[in-house]
Amino acid sequence: MIGPLGIAFVLIVVIPVSVLVSGAVASGLLGYFLKEEAETANEGSELIATNV
């Protein structure tokens, strides 16, 4: 009886939580690197000062 409950717990709790956490980490990294790339590509632009 413990086996099926363990499998159900993994399917209902562990997998969705791990997908959400890994998506959050990927979003954070993507945002960081895209921001760095945009600042580097547009260095010296007067519009950079308006981004607060």
C-alpha atoms as a PDB file:
ATOM      1  CA  MET A   1       0.000   0.000   0.000  1.00  0.00           C
ATOM      2  CA  ILE A   2       2.960   2.369   0.570  1.00  0.00           C
ATOM      3  CA  GLY A   3       4.220   1.903  -3.015  1.00  0.00           C
ATOM      4  CA  PRO A   4       1.150   3.243  -4.837  1.00  0.00           C
ATOM      5  CA  LEU A   5       0.818   6.132  -2.365  1.00  0.00           C
ATOM      6  CA  GLY A   6       4.462   7.032  -2.905  1.00  0.00           C
ATOM      7  CA  ILE A   7       4.021   6.981  -6.676  1.00  0.00           C
ATOM      8  CA  ALA A   8       0.879   9.121  -6.425  1.00  0.00           C
ATOM      9  CA  PHE A   9       2.706  11.606  -4.161  1.00  0.00           C
ATOM     10  CA  VAL A  10       5.557  11.901  -6.633  1.00  0.00           C
ATOM     11  CA  LEU A  11       3.180  12.390  -9.567  1.00  0.00           C
ATOM     12  CA  ILE A  12       0.969  14.929  -7.810  1.00  0.00           C
ATOM     13  CA  VAL A  13       3.466  16.904  -5.712  1.00  0.00           C
ATOM     14  CA  VAL A  14       7.121  16.364  -6.574  1.00  0.00           C
ATOM     15  CA  ILE A  15       7.029  16.577 -10.372  1.00  0.00           C
ATOM     16  CA  PRO A  16       4.870  19.746 -10.658  1.00  0.00           C
ATOM     17  CA  VAL A  17       6.897  21.543  -7.981  1.00  0.00           C
ATOM     18  CA  SER A  18      10.192  20.624  -9.637  1.00  0.00           C
ATOM     19  CA  VAL A  19       8.902  21.847 -13.015  1.00  0.00           C
ATOM     20  CA  LEU A  20       7.827  25.180 -11.511  1.00  0.00           C
ATOM     21  CA  VAL A  21      11.118  25.677  -9.660  1.00  0.00           C
ATOM     22  CA  SER A  22      13.238  24.808 -12.691  1.00  0.00           C
ATOM     23  CA  GLY A  23      11.127  27.180 -14.814  1.00  0.00           C
ATOM     24  CA  ALA A  24      11.673  29.980 -12.317  1.00  0.00           C
ATOM     25  CA  VAL A  25      15.429  29.399 -12.333  1.00  0.00           C
ATOM     26  CA  ALA A  26      15.503  29.326 -16.148  1.00  0.00           C
ATOM     27  CA  SER A  27      13.464  32.556 -16.304  1.00  0.00           C
ATOM     28  CA  GLY A  28      15.793  34.299 -13.889  1.00  0.00           C
ATOM     29  CA  LEU A  29      18.903  33.264 -15.779  1.00  0.00           C
ATOM     30  CA  LEU A  30      17.415  34.182 -19.141  1.00  0.00           C
ATOM     31  CA  GLY A  31      16.350  37.604 -17.868  1.00  0.00           C
ATOM     32  CA  TYR A  32      19.753  38.288 -16.346  1.00  0.00           C
ATOM     33  CA  PHE A  33      21.706  37.349 -19.462  1.00  0.00           C
ATOM     34  CA  LEU A  34      19.357  39.177 -21.838  1.00  0.00           C
ATOM     35  CA  LYS A  35      19.594  42.327 -19.698  1.00  0.00           C
ATOM     36  CA  GLU A  36      23.396  42.126 -19.694  1.00  0.00           C
ATOM     37  CA  GLU A  37      23.468  41.608 -23.468  1.00  0.00           C
ATOM     38  CA  ALA A  38      21.100  44.526 -24.099  1.00  0.00           C
ATOM     39  CA  GLU A  39      23.122  46.871 -21.894  1.00  0.00           C
ATOM     40  CA  THR A  40      26.332  45.847 -23.642  1.00  0.00           C
ATOM     41  CA  ALA A  41      24.862  46.167 -27.137  1.00  0.00           C
ATOM     42  CA  ASN A  42      23.366  49.599 -26.438  1.00  0.00           C
ATOM     43  CA  GLU A  43      26.198  51.078 -24.406  1.00  0.00           C
ATOM     44  CA  GLY A  44      26.423  54.826 -24.866  1.00  0.00           C
ATOM     45  CA  SER A  45      22.794  55.254 -25.870  1.00  0.00           C
ATOM     46  CA  GLU A  46      20.939  58.131 -24.238  1.00  0.00           C
ATOM     47  CA  LEU A  47      17.919  55.873 -23.759  1.00  0.00           C
ATOM     48  CA  ILE A  48      19.743  53.661 -21.217  1.00  0.00           C
ATOM     49  CA  ALA A  49      19.498  56.456 -18.635  1.00  0.00           C
ATOM     50  CA  THR A  50      15.701  56.408 -18.888  1.00  0.00           C
ATOM     51  CA  ASN A  51      15.535  52.716 -17.863  1.00  0.00           C
ATOM     52  CA  VAL A  52      15.192  52.746 -14.118  1.00  0.00           C
END
